[in-house]
PDB file of N, CA and C in Angstrom:
ATOM      1  N   MET A   1      26.641 -94.805 192.625  1.00  0.00           N
ATOM      2  CA  MET A   1      26.361 -96.079 191.979  1.00  0.00           C
ATOM      3  C   MET A   1      27.263 -97.149 192.580  1.00  0.00           C
ATOM      4  N   LYS A   2      26.674 -98.266 192.947  1.00  0.00           N
ATOM      5  CA  LYS A   2      27.402 -99.344 193.597  1.00  0.00           C
ATOM      6  C   LYS A   2      28.249-100.113 192.568  1.00  0.00           C
ATOM      7  N   LYS A   3      29.474-100.398 192.927  1.00  0.00           N
ATOM      8  CA  LYS A   3      30.386-101.170 192.076  1.00  0.00           C
ATOM      9  C   LYS A   3      29.918-102.629 192.052  1.00  0.00           C
ATOM     10  N   PRO A   4      29.949-103.286 190.873  1.00  0.00           N
ATOM     11  CA  PRO A   4      29.531-104.690 190.822  1.00  0.00           C
ATOM     12  C   PRO A   4      30.429-105.559 191.704  1.00  0.00           C
ATOM     13  N   SER A   5      29.834-106.582 192.296  1.00  0.00           N
ATOM     14  CA  SER A   5      30.605-107.501 193.139  1.00  0.00           C
ATOM     15  C   SER A   5      31.535-108.336 192.259  1.00  0.00           C
ATOM     16  N   LEU A   6      32.484-108.984 192.884  1.00  0.00           N
ATOM     17  CA  LEU A   6      33.417-109.855 192.157  1.00  0.00           C
ATOM     18  C   LEU A   6      32.639-110.941 191.411  1.00  0.00           C
ATOM     19  N   LEU A   7      31.651-111.521 192.068  1.00  0.00           N
ATOM     20  CA  LEU A   7      30.850-112.564 191.432  1.00  0.00           C
ATOM     21  C   LEU A   7      30.126-112.019 190.202  1.00  0.00           C
ATOM     22  N   GLN A   8      29.564-110.817 190.301  1.00  0.00           N
ATOM     23  CA  GLN A   8      28.881-110.212 189.148  1.00  0.00           C
ATOM     24  C   GLN A   8      29.872-109.945 188.014  1.00  0.00           C
ATOM     25  N   ARG A   9      31.076-109.472 188.354  1.00  0.00           N
ATOM     26  CA  ARG A   9      32.083-109.207 187.318  1.00  0.00           C
ATOM     27  C   ARG A   9      32.532-110.502 186.651  1.00  0.00           C
ATOM     28  N   LEU A  10      32.707-111.560 187.441  1.00  0.00           N
ATOM     29  CA  LEU A  10      33.118-112.853 186.872  1.00  0.00           C
ATOM     30  C   LEU A  10      32.027-113.423 185.965  1.00  0.00           C
ATOM     31  N   ARG A  11      30.766-113.309 186.394  1.00  0.00           N
ATOM     32  CA  ARG A  11      29.655-113.780 185.555  1.00  0.00           C
ATOM     33  C   ARG A  11      29.595-113.005 184.248  1.00  0.00           C
ATOM     34  N   ALA A  12      29.772-111.684 184.326  1.00  0.00           N
ATOM     35  CA  ALA A  12      29.756-110.849 183.115  1.00  0.00           C
ATOM     36  C   ALA A  12      30.908-111.232 182.200  1.00  0.00           C
ATOM     37  N   LYS A  13      32.074-111.482 182.790  1.00  0.00           N
ATOM     38  CA  LYS A  13      33.242-111.868 181.983  1.00  0.00           C
ATOM     39  C   LYS A  13      32.973-113.200 181.293  1.00  0.00           C
ATOM     40  N   LYS A  14      32.427-114.168 182.035  1.00  0.00           N
ATOM     41  CA  LYS A  14      32.131-115.479 181.458  1.00  0.00           C
ATOM     42  C   LYS A  14      31.107-115.345 180.333  1.00  0.00           C
ATOM     43  N   ARG A  15      30.089-114.516 180.538  1.00  0.00           N
ATOM     44  CA  ARG A  15      29.070-114.291 179.518  1.00  0.00           C
ATOM     45  C   ARG A  15      29.709-113.706 178.255  1.00  0.00           C
ATOM     46  N   ASN A  16      30.590-112.734 178.436  1.00  0.00           N
ATOM     47  CA  ASN A  16      31.249-112.101 177.288  1.00  0.00           C
ATOM     48  C   ASN A  16      32.163-113.079 176.560  1.00  0.00           C
ATOM     49  N   GLU A  17      32.864-113.922 177.311  1.00  0.00           N
ATOM     50  CA  GLU A  17      33.748-114.901 176.684  1.00  0.00           C
ATOM     51  C   GLU A  17      32.957-115.929 175.891  1.00  0.00           C
ATOM     52  N   ALA A  18      31.779-116.293 176.404  1.00  0.00           N
ATOM     53  CA  ALA A  18      30.962-117.300 175.736  1.00  0.00           C
ATOM     54  C   ALA A  18      30.357-116.757 174.447  1.00  0.00           C
ATOM     55  N   LEU A  19      30.268-115.438 174.335  1.00  0.00           N
ATOM     56  CA  LEU A  19      29.630-114.833 173.186  1.00  0.00           C
ATOM     57  C   LEU A  19      30.660-114.200 172.254  1.00  0.00           C
ATOM     58  N   MET A  20      31.618-114.993 171.835  1.00  0.00           N
ATOM     59  CA  MET A  20      32.625-114.506 170.898  1.00  0.00           C
ATOM     60  C   MET A  20      32.618-115.401 169.666  1.00  0.00           C
ATOM     61  N   ILE A  21      32.596-114.768 168.505  1.00  0.00           N
ATOM     62  CA  ILE A  21      32.650-115.531 167.267  1.00  0.00           C
ATOM     63  C   ILE A  21      33.756-114.974 166.382  1.00  0.00           C
ATOM     64  N   GLY A  22      34.255-115.821 165.521  1.00  0.00           N
ATOM     65  CA  GLY A  22      35.221-115.380 164.527  1.00  0.00           C
ATOM     66  C   GLY A  22      34.502-115.131 163.219  1.00  0.00           C
ATOM     67  N   ILE A  23      34.800-114.002 162.614  1.00  0.00           N
ATOM     68  CA  ILE A  23      34.227-113.686 161.309  1.00  0.00           C
ATOM     69  C   ILE A  23      35.323-113.873 160.267  1.00  0.00           C
ATOM     70  N   THR A  24      35.026-114.684 159.270  1.00  0.00           N
ATOM     71  CA  THR A  24      35.975-114.889 158.185  1.00  0.00           C
ATOM     72  C   THR A  24      36.284-113.554 157.549  1.00  0.00           C
ATOM     73  N   TRP A  25      37.556-113.209 157.482  1.00  0.00           N
ATOM     74  CA  TRP A  25      37.954-111.899 156.969  1.00  0.00           C
ATOM     75  C   TRP A  25      39.025-112.088 155.912  1.00  0.00           C
ATOM     76  N   TYR A  26      39.014-111.225 154.931  1.00  0.00           N
ATOM     77  CA  TYR A  26      39.940-111.325 153.808  1.00  0.00           C
ATOM     78  C   TYR A  26      40.553-109.969 153.485  1.00  0.00           C
ATOM     79  N   THR A  27      41.686-110.015 152.816  1.00  0.00           N
ATOM     80  CA  THR A  27      42.185-108.854 152.094  1.00  0.00           C
ATOM     81  C   THR A  27      41.628-109.011 150.685  1.00  0.00           C
ATOM     82  N   GLU A  28      41.784-108.018 149.851  1.00  0.00           N
ATOM     83  CA  GLU A  28      41.274-108.145 148.481  1.00  0.00           C
ATOM     84  C   GLU A  28      41.934-109.330 147.770  1.00  0.00           C
ATOM     85  N   GLU A  29      43.230-109.501 147.992  1.00  0.00           N
ATOM     86  CA  GLU A  29      43.966-110.598 147.343  1.00  0.00           C
ATOM     87  C   GLU A  29      43.521-111.967 147.862  1.00  0.00           C
ATOM     88  N   THR A  30      43.386-112.115 149.192  1.00  0.00           N
ATOM     89  CA  THR A  30      43.007-113.427 149.725  1.00  0.00           C
ATOM     90  C   THR A  30      41.556-113.757 149.385  1.00  0.00           C
ATOM     91  N   TRP A  31      40.689-112.737 149.325  1.00  0.00           N
ATOM     92  CA  TRP A  31      39.294-112.966 148.929  1.00  0.00           C
ATOM     93  C   TRP A  31      39.252-113.552 147.517  1.00  0.00           C
ATOM     94  N   ALA A  32      40.033-112.969 146.612  1.00  0.00           N
ATOM     95  CA  ALA A  32      40.065-113.444 145.228  1.00  0.00           C
ATOM     96  C   ALA A  32      40.615-114.868 145.147  1.00  0.00           C
ATOM     97  N   GLN A  33      41.649-115.171 145.931  1.00  0.00           N
ATOM     98  CA  GLN A  33      42.245-116.512 145.906  1.00  0.00           C
ATOM     99  C   GLN A  33      41.260-117.567 146.406  1.00  0.00           C
ATOM    100  N   VAL A  34      40.598-117.282 147.511  1.00  0.00           N
ATOM    101  CA  VAL A  34      39.661-118.259 148.076  1.00  0.00           C
ATOM    102  C   VAL A  34      38.440-118.408 147.168  1.00  0.00           C
ATOM    103  N   LYS A  35      37.931-117.306 146.650  1.00  0.00           N
ATOM    104  CA  LYS A  35      36.769-117.377 145.752  1.00  0.00           C
ATOM    105  C   LYS A  35      37.106-118.162 144.486  1.00  0.00           C
ATOM    106  N   ALA A  36      38.304-117.961 143.941  1.00  0.00           N
ATOM    107  CA  ALA A  36      38.697-118.619 142.688  1.00  0.00           C
ATOM    108  C   ALA A  36      38.733-120.134 142.811  1.00  0.00           C
ATOM    109  N   THR A  37      38.959-120.643 144.019  1.00  0.00           N
ATOM    110  CA  THR A  37      39.051-122.095 144.198  1.00  0.00           C
ATOM    111  C   THR A  37      37.833-122.680 144.910  1.00  0.00           C
ATOM    112  N   ALA A  38      36.850-121.842 145.203  1.00  0.00           N
ATOM    113  CA  ALA A  38      35.665-122.291 145.936  1.00  0.00           C
ATOM    114  C   ALA A  38      34.763-123.146 145.050  1.00  0.00           C
ATOM    115  N   VAL A  39      34.167-124.165 145.647  1.00  0.00           N
ATOM    116  CA  VAL A  39      33.179-124.970 144.916  1.00  0.00           C
ATOM    117  C   VAL A  39      31.812-124.284 144.946  1.00  0.00           C
ATOM    118  N   ASP A  40      31.708-123.214 145.737  1.00  0.00           N
ATOM    119  CA  ASP A  40      30.461-122.455 145.841  1.00  0.00           C
ATOM    120  C   ASP A  40      30.705-120.955 145.634  1.00  0.00           C
ATOM    121  N   PRO A  41      31.318-120.581 144.506  1.00  0.00           N
ATOM    122  CA  PRO A  41      31.635-119.162 144.307  1.00  0.00           C
ATOM    123  C   PRO A  41      30.393-118.265 144.336  1.00  0.00           C
ATOM    124  N   GLU A  42      29.225-118.854 144.116  1.00  0.00           N
ATOM    125  CA  GLU A  42      27.986-118.072 144.167  1.00  0.00           C
ATOM    126  C   GLU A  42      27.692-117.563 145.583  1.00  0.00           C
ATOM    127  N   CYS A  43      28.353-118.134 146.586  1.00  0.00           N
ATOM    128  CA  CYS A  43      28.182-117.675 147.969  1.00  0.00           C
ATOM    129  C   CYS A  43      28.950-116.386 148.245  1.00  0.00           C
ATOM    130  N   PHE A  44      29.838-116.030 147.351  1.00  0.00           N
ATOM    131  CA  PHE A  44      30.612-114.801 147.497  1.00  0.00           C
ATOM    132  C   PHE A  44      29.873-113.654 146.817  1.00  0.00           C
ATOM    133  N   GLU A  45      30.052-112.467 147.345  1.00  0.00           N
ATOM    134  CA  GLU A  45      29.497-111.288 146.684  1.00  0.00           C
ATOM    135  C   GLU A  45      30.206-111.102 145.343  1.00  0.00           C
ATOM    136  N   ASP A  46      29.659-110.238 144.493  1.00  0.00           N
ATOM    137  CA  ASP A  46      30.213-110.031 143.155  1.00  0.00           C
ATOM    138  C   ASP A  46      31.562-109.332 143.144  1.00  0.00           C
ATOM    139  N   SER A  47      31.873-108.609 144.221  1.00  0.00           N
ATOM    140  CA  SER A  47      33.164-107.919 144.280  1.00  0.00           C
ATOM    141  C   SER A  47      33.648-107.892 145.722  1.00  0.00           C
ATOM    142  N   PHE A  48      34.943-107.662 145.870  1.00  0.00           N
ATOM    143  CA  PHE A  48      35.522-107.549 147.210  1.00  0.00           C
ATOM    144  C   PHE A  48      34.865-106.402 147.987  1.00  0.00           C
ATOM    145  N   LEU A  49      34.630-105.277 147.326  1.00  0.00           N
ATOM    146  CA  LEU A  49      34.031-104.122 148.015  1.00  0.00           C
ATOM    147  C   LEU A  49      32.622-104.445 148.522  1.00  0.00           C
ATOM    148  N   LEU A  50      31.845-105.175 147.727  1.00  0.00           N
ATOM    149  CA  LEU A  50      30.511-105.588 148.185  1.00  0.00           C
ATOM    150  C   LEU A  50      30.629-106.552 149.363  1.00  0.00           C
ATOM    151  N   TRP A  51      31.586-107.490 149.274  1.00  0.00           N
ATOM    152  CA  TRP A  51      31.804-108.422 150.379  1.00  0.00           C
ATOM    153  C   TRP A  51      32.179-107.650 151.646  1.00  0.00           C
ATOM    154  N   LYS A  52      33.128-106.714 151.529  1.00  0.00           N
ATOM    155  CA  LYS A  52      33.599-105.990 152.708  1.00  0.00           C
ATOM    156  C   LYS A  52      32.462-105.202 153.356  1.00  0.00           C
ATOM    157  N   ALA A  53      31.618-104.582 152.555  1.00  0.00           N
ATOM    158  CA  ALA A  53      30.470-103.843 153.100  1.00  0.00           C
ATOM    159  C   ALA A  53      29.534-104.790 153.854  1.00  0.00           C
ATOM    160  N   MET A  54      29.258-105.955 153.275  1.00  0.00           N
ATOM    161  CA  MET A  54      28.389-106.943 153.919  1.00  0.00           C
ATOM    162  C   MET A  54      29.012-107.442 155.222  1.00  0.00           C
ATOM    163  N   ALA A  55      30.302-107.777 155.187  1.00  0.00           N
ATOM    164  CA  ALA A  55      30.982-108.322 156.365  1.00  0.00           C
ATOM    165  C   ALA A  55      31.058-107.286 157.489  1.00  0.00           C
ATOM    166  N   THR A  56      31.330-106.049 157.134  1.00  0.00           N
ATOM    167  CA  THR A  56      31.403-104.980 158.125  1.00  0.00           C
ATOM    168  C   THR A  56      30.047-104.773 158.788  1.00  0.00           C
ATOM    169  N   LYS A  57      28.992-104.806 157.984  1.00  0.00           N
ATOM    170  CA  LYS A  57      27.633-104.655 158.519  1.00  0.00           C
ATOM    171  C   LYS A  57      27.296-105.828 159.446  1.00  0.00           C
ATOM    172  N   ALA A  58      27.628-107.046 159.036  1.00  0.00           N
ATOM    173  CA  ALA A  58      27.350-108.222 159.861  1.00  0.00           C
ATOM    174  C   ALA A  58      28.097-108.141 161.189  1.00  0.00           C
ATOM    175  N   ARG A  59      29.377-107.743 161.134  1.00  0.00           N
ATOM    176  CA  ARG A  59      30.165-107.617 162.362  1.00  0.00           C
ATOM    177  C   ARG A  59      29.523-106.586 163.300  1.00  0.00           C
ATOM    178  N   ARG A  60      29.106-105.458 162.748  1.00  0.00           N
ATOM    179  CA  ARG A  60      28.471-104.406 163.541  1.00  0.00           C
ATOM    180  C   ARG A  60      27.183-104.927 164.194  1.00  0.00           C
ATOM    181  N   GLU A  61      26.386-105.686 163.444  1.00  0.00           N
ATOM    182  CA  GLU A  61      25.130-106.223 163.987  1.00  0.00           C
ATOM    183  C   GLU A  61      25.390-107.220 165.107  1.00  0.00           C
ATOM    184  N   PHE A  62      26.410-108.067 164.938  1.00  0.00           N
ATOM    185  CA  PHE A  62      26.773-108.996 166.014  1.00  0.00           C
ATOM    186  C   PHE A  62      27.152-108.216 167.269  1.00  0.00           C
ATOM    187  N   GLN A  63      27.985-107.201 167.098  1.00  0.00           N
ATOM    188  CA  GLN A  63      28.460-106.428 168.245  1.00  0.00           C
ATOM    189  C   GLN A  63      27.310-105.699 168.934  1.00  0.00           C
ATOM    190  N   ARG A  64      26.374-105.172 168.158  1.00  0.00           N
ATOM    191  CA  ARG A  64      25.207-104.493 168.738  1.00  0.00           C
ATOM    192  C   ARG A  64      24.364-105.454 169.573  1.00  0.00           C
ATOM    193  N   SER A  65      24.354-106.719 169.177  1.00  0.00           N
ATOM    194  CA  SER A  65      23.545-107.696 169.913  1.00  0.00           C
ATOM    195  C   SER A  65      24.304-108.312 171.086  1.00  0.00           C
ATOM    196  N   GLY A  66      25.514-107.816 171.348  1.00  0.00           N
ATOM    197  CA  GLY A  66      26.261-108.284 172.513  1.00  0.00           C
ATOM    198  C   GLY A  66      27.250-109.394 172.226  1.00  0.00           C
ATOM    199  N   VAL A  67      27.396-109.768 170.978  1.00  0.00           N
ATOM    200  CA  VAL A  67      28.351-110.821 170.599  1.00  0.00           C
ATOM    201  C   VAL A  67      29.665-110.162 170.215  1.00  0.00           C
ATOM    202  N   ARG A  68      30.748-110.666 170.775  1.00  0.00           N
ATOM    203  CA  ARG A  68      32.071-110.145 170.425  1.00  0.00           C
ATOM    204  C   ARG A  68      32.490-110.801 169.116  1.00  0.00           C
ATOM    205  N   ALA A  69      32.442-110.045 168.043  1.00  0.00           N
ATOM    206  CA  ALA A  69      32.776-110.555 166.711  1.00  0.00           C
ATOM    207  C   ALA A  69      34.209-110.146 166.379  1.00  0.00           C
ATOM    208  N   VAL A  70      35.063-111.135 166.182  1.00  0.00           N
ATOM    209  CA  VAL A  70      36.480-110.905 165.938  1.00  0.00           C
ATOM    210  C   VAL A  70      36.801-111.247 164.486  1.00  0.00           C
ATOM    211  N   GLU A  71      37.455-110.326 163.800  1.00  0.00           N
ATOM    212  CA  GLU A  71      37.873-110.591 162.418  1.00  0.00           C
ATOM    213  C   GLU A  71      38.972-111.646 162.432  1.00  0.00           C
ATOM    214  N   PHE A  72      38.810-112.658 161.608  1.00  0.00           N
ATOM    215  CA  PHE A  72      39.840-113.691 161.486  1.00  0.00           C
ATOM    216  C   PHE A  72      40.315-113.718 160.041  1.00  0.00           C
ATOM    217  N   GLN A  73      41.519-113.222 159.822  1.00  0.00           N
ATOM    218  CA  GLN A  73      42.100-113.179 158.477  1.00  0.00           C
ATOM    219  C   GLN A  73      42.427-114.592 158.005  1.00  0.00           C
ATOM    220  N   ILE A  74      41.838-114.976 156.894  1.00  0.00           N
ATOM    221  CA  ILE A  74      42.156-116.279 156.311  1.00  0.00           C
ATOM    222  C   ILE A  74      43.439-116.163 155.501  1.00  0.00           C
ATOM    223  N   VAL A  75      44.353-117.070 155.773  1.00  0.00           N
ATOM    224  CA  VAL A  75      45.558-117.200 154.958  1.00  0.00           C
ATOM    225  C   VAL A  75      45.256-118.364 154.012  1.00  0.00           C
ATOM    226  N   PRO A  76      45.090-118.075 152.722  1.00  0.00           N
ATOM    227  CA  PRO A  76      44.648-119.120 151.796  1.00  0.00           C
ATOM    228  C   PRO A  76      45.468-120.415 151.877  1.00  0.00           C
ATOM    229  N   GLN A  77      46.782-120.315 151.936  1.00  0.00           N
ATOM    230  CA  GLN A  77      47.603-121.528 151.981  1.00  0.00           C
ATOM    231  C   GLN A  77      47.297-122.363 153.226  1.00  0.00           C
ATOM    232  N   ASP A  78      47.076-121.712 154.369  1.00  0.00           N
ATOM    233  CA  ASP A  78      46.726-122.435 155.592  1.00  0.00           C
ATOM    234  C   ASP A  78      45.359-123.090 155.454  1.00  0.00           C
ATOM    235  N   PHE A  79      44.425-122.348 154.881  1.00  0.00           N
ATOM    236  CA  PHE A  79      43.076-122.894 154.688  1.00  0.00           C
ATOM    237  C   PHE A  79      43.096-124.070 153.714  1.00  0.00           C
ATOM    238  N   PHE A  80      43.815-123.931 152.608  1.00  0.00           N
ATOM    239  CA  PHE A  80      43.879-125.022 151.628  1.00  0.00           C
ATOM    240  C   PHE A  80      44.540-126.257 152.230  1.00  0.00           C
ATOM    241  N   ALA A  81      45.579-126.058 153.033  1.00  0.00           N
ATOM    242  CA  ALA A  81      46.248-127.186 153.703  1.00  0.00           C
ATOM    243  C   ALA A  81      45.286-127.857 154.685  1.00  0.00           C
ATOM    244  N   TRP A  82      44.516-127.043 155.413  1.00  0.00           N
ATOM    245  CA  TRP A  82      43.536-127.581 156.355  1.00  0.00           C
ATOM    246  C   TRP A  82      42.491-128.404 155.601  1.00  0.00           C
ATOM    247  N   CYS A  83      42.025-127.883 154.461  1.00  0.00           N
ATOM    248  CA  CYS A  83      41.042-128.621 153.653  1.00  0.00           C
ATOM    249  C   CYS A  83      41.596-129.985 153.245  1.00  0.00           C
ATOM    250  N   ALA A  84      42.838-130.005 152.763  1.00  0.00           N
ATOM    251  CA  ALA A  84      43.453-131.266 152.326  1.00  0.00           C
ATOM    252  C   ALA A  84      43.585-132.237 153.504  1.00  0.00           C
ATOM    253  N   LEU A  85      44.027-131.724 154.633  1.00  0.00           N
ATOM    254  CA  LEU A  85      44.217-132.554 155.825  1.00  0.00           C
ATOM    255  C   LEU A  85      42.905-133.129 156.347  1.00  0.00           C
ATOM    256  N   ASN A  86      41.832-132.357 156.217  1.00  0.00           N
ATOM    257  CA  ASN A  86      40.524-132.759 156.754  1.00  0.00           C
ATOM    258  C   ASN A  86      39.560-133.269 155.693  1.00  0.00           C
ATOM    259  N   ASP A  87      40.080-133.525 154.484  1.00  0.00           N
ATOM    260  CA  ASP A  87      39.277-134.039 153.377  1.00  0.00           C
ATOM    261  C   ASP A  87      38.023-133.180 153.165  1.00  0.00           C
ATOM    262  N   GLN A  88      38.239-131.858 153.096  1.00  0.00           N
ATOM    263  CA  GLN A  88      37.152-130.902 152.909  1.00  0.00           C
ATOM    264  C   GLN A  88      37.319-130.175 151.583  1.00  0.00           C
ATOM    265  N   GLN A  89      36.213-129.729 151.038  1.00  0.00           N
ATOM    266  CA  GLN A  89      36.244-128.864 149.862  1.00  0.00           C
ATOM    267  C   GLN A  89      36.180-127.428 150.333  1.00  0.00           C
ATOM    268  N   ASN A  90      36.601-126.508 149.484  1.00  0.00           N
ATOM    269  CA  ASN A  90      36.525-125.085 149.800  1.00  0.00           C
ATOM    270  C   ASN A  90      35.078-124.638 149.589  1.00  0.00           C
ATOM    271  N   ASN A  91      34.286-124.729 150.664  1.00  0.00           N
ATOM    272  CA  ASN A  91      32.908-124.263 150.619  1.00  0.00           C
ATOM    273  C   ASN A  91      32.600-123.494 151.901  1.00  0.00           C
ATOM    274  N   ALA A  92      31.417-122.920 151.977  1.00  0.00           N
ATOM    275  CA  ALA A  92      31.059-122.072 153.115  1.00  0.00           C
ATOM    276  C   ALA A  92      31.179-122.819 154.442  1.00  0.00           C
ATOM    277  N   THR A  93      30.760-124.072 154.468  1.00  0.00           N
ATOM    278  CA  THR A  93      30.833-124.853 155.698  1.00  0.00           C
ATOM    279  C   THR A  93      32.277-125.044 156.134  1.00  0.00           C
ATOM    280  N   ALA A  94      33.146-125.402 155.197  1.00  0.00           N
ATOM    281  CA  ALA A  94      34.564-125.612 155.523  1.00  0.00           C
ATOM    282  C   ALA A  94      35.218-124.310 155.964  1.00  0.00           C
ATOM    283  N   ARG A  95      34.896-123.207 155.297  1.00  0.00           N
ATOM    284  CA  ARG A  95      35.478-121.917 155.685  1.00  0.00           C
ATOM    285  C   ARG A  95      35.084-121.558 157.117  1.00  0.00           C
ATOM    286  N   ALA A  96      33.809-121.760 157.455  1.00  0.00           N
ATOM    287  CA  ALA A  96      33.338-121.465 158.810  1.00  0.00           C
ATOM    288  C   ALA A  96      33.991-122.396 159.830  1.00  0.00           C
ATOM    289  N   GLU A  97      34.106-123.663 159.496  1.00  0.00           N
ATOM    290  CA  GLU A  97      34.719-124.631 160.404  1.00  0.00           C
ATOM    291  C   GLU A  97      36.194-124.308 160.632  1.00  0.00           C
ATOM    292  N   PHE A  98      36.890-123.937 159.559  1.00  0.00           N
ATOM    293  CA  PHE A  98      38.296-123.571 159.663  1.00  0.00           C
ATOM    294  C   PHE A  98      38.471-122.392 160.619  1.00  0.00           C
ATOM    295  N   VAL A  99      37.665-121.360 160.457  1.00  0.00           N
ATOM    296  CA  VAL A  99      37.759-120.181 161.320  1.00  0.00           C
ATOM    297  C   VAL A  99      37.429-120.563 162.765  1.00  0.00           C
ATOM    298  N   SER A 100      36.396-121.372 162.946  1.00  0.00           N
ATOM    299  CA  SER A 100      36.002-121.787 164.290  1.00  0.00           C
ATOM    300  C   SER A 100      37.123-122.563 164.976  1.00  0.00           C
ATOM    301  N   GLU A 101      37.718-123.517 164.269  1.00  0.00           N
ATOM    302  CA  GLU A 101      38.819-124.298 164.840  1.00  0.00           C
ATOM    303  C   GLU A 101      40.026-123.417 165.132  1.00  0.00           C
ATOM    304  N   ALA A 102      40.341-122.522 164.224  1.00  0.00           N
ATOM    305  CA  ALA A 102      41.491-121.633 164.420  1.00  0.00           C
ATOM    306  C   ALA A 102      41.250-120.703 165.609  1.00  0.00           C
ATOM    307  N   MET A 103      40.033-120.198 165.757  1.00  0.00           N
ATOM    308  CA  MET A 103      39.710-119.335 166.889  1.00  0.00           C
ATOM    309  C   MET A 103      39.802-120.110 168.198  1.00  0.00           C
ATOM    310  N   SER A 104      39.318-121.341 168.199  1.00  0.00           N
ATOM    311  CA  SER A 104      39.401-122.170 169.407  1.00  0.00           C
ATOM    312  C   SER A 104      40.854-122.422 169.776  1.00  0.00           C
ATOM    313  N   ALA A 105      41.657-122.760 168.788  1.00  0.00           N
ATOM    314  CA  ALA A 105      43.083-123.013 169.046  1.00  0.00           C
ATOM    315  C   ALA A 105      43.761-121.749 169.559  1.00  0.00           C
ATOM    316  N   ALA A 106      43.415-120.602 168.977  1.00  0.00           N
ATOM    317  CA  ALA A 106      44.027-119.343 169.399  1.00  0.00           C
ATOM    318  C   ALA A 106      43.614-118.976 170.821  1.00  0.00           C
ATOM    319  N   SER A 107      42.363-119.264 171.187  1.00  0.00           N
ATOM    320  CA  SER A 107      41.908-118.904 172.527  1.00  0.00           C
ATOM    321  C   SER A 107      42.566-119.776 173.589  1.00  0.00           C
ATOM    322  N   GLU A 108      43.056-120.946 173.188  1.00  0.00           N
ATOM    323  CA  GLU A 108      43.753-121.830 174.123  1.00  0.00           C
ATOM    324  C   GLU A 108      45.236-121.488 174.242  1.00  0.00           C
ATOM    325  N   SER A 109      45.740-120.699 173.300  1.00  0.00           N
ATOM    326  CA  SER A 109      47.152-120.322 173.339  1.00  0.00           C
ATOM    327  C   SER A 109      47.335-119.195 174.352  1.00  0.00           C
ATOM    328  N   PRO A 110      48.548-119.036 174.873  1.00  0.00           N
ATOM    329  CA  PRO A 110      48.795-117.976 175.839  1.00  0.00           C
ATOM    330  C   PRO A 110      48.574-116.576 175.273  1.00  0.00           C
ATOM    331  N   ARG A 111      48.672-116.424 173.955  1.00  0.00           N
ATOM    332  CA  ARG A 111      48.500-115.111 173.334  1.00  0.00           C
ATOM    333  C   ARG A 111      47.051-114.728 173.174  1.00  0.00           C
ATOM    334  N   GLY A 112      46.133-115.707 173.148  1.00  0.00           N
ATOM    335  CA  GLY A 112      44.707-115.405 173.060  1.00  0.00           C
ATOM    336  C   GLY A 112      44.219-115.265 171.636  1.00  0.00           C
ATOM    337  N   PRO A 113      42.876-115.152 171.450  1.00  0.00           N
ATOM    338  CA  PRO A 113      42.276-115.140 170.114  1.00  0.00           C
ATOM    339  C   PRO A 113      42.570-113.895 169.303  1.00  0.00           C
ATOM    340  N   ASP A 114      42.845-112.764 169.953  1.00  0.00           N
ATOM    341  CA  ASP A 114      43.103-111.547 169.197  1.00  0.00           C
ATOM    342  C   ASP A 114      44.469-111.554 168.543  1.00  0.00           C
ATOM    343  N   ALA A 115      45.296-112.551 168.891  1.00  0.00           N
ATOM    344  CA  ALA A 115      46.642-112.626 168.311  1.00  0.00           C
ATOM    345  C   ALA A 115      46.631-113.394 166.996  1.00  0.00           C
ATOM    346  N   ALA A 116      45.504-114.002 166.651  1.00  0.00           N
ATOM    347  CA  ALA A 116      45.423-114.830 165.432  1.00  0.00           C
ATOM    348  C   ALA A 116      45.600-114.031 164.169  1.00  0.00           C
TER     349      ALA A 116
END
């Protein structure tokens, strides 16, 4: 079997880098804290265990489709500070935007996105 050329490897690497998303991830405690202050608590599953099962399944489906799905642990105090700074409410859109911005910032740091 022929080894891929440098150009093919670089294209594959670029494709893989372009297909990376951050998945909002919680511990049981942080899930409860964020849900308790959310303006859309109905967007959360009824329990942490149900949420974790859903999130794990979603991450697996992303990975099966070729998207690199990275768990991003939300630190409630950081998220709440970000909301205040950006005049946002704690809702699904803000949570997704926070993770996206944090992932972008992490990917620009020398440590990379997996260090977040």
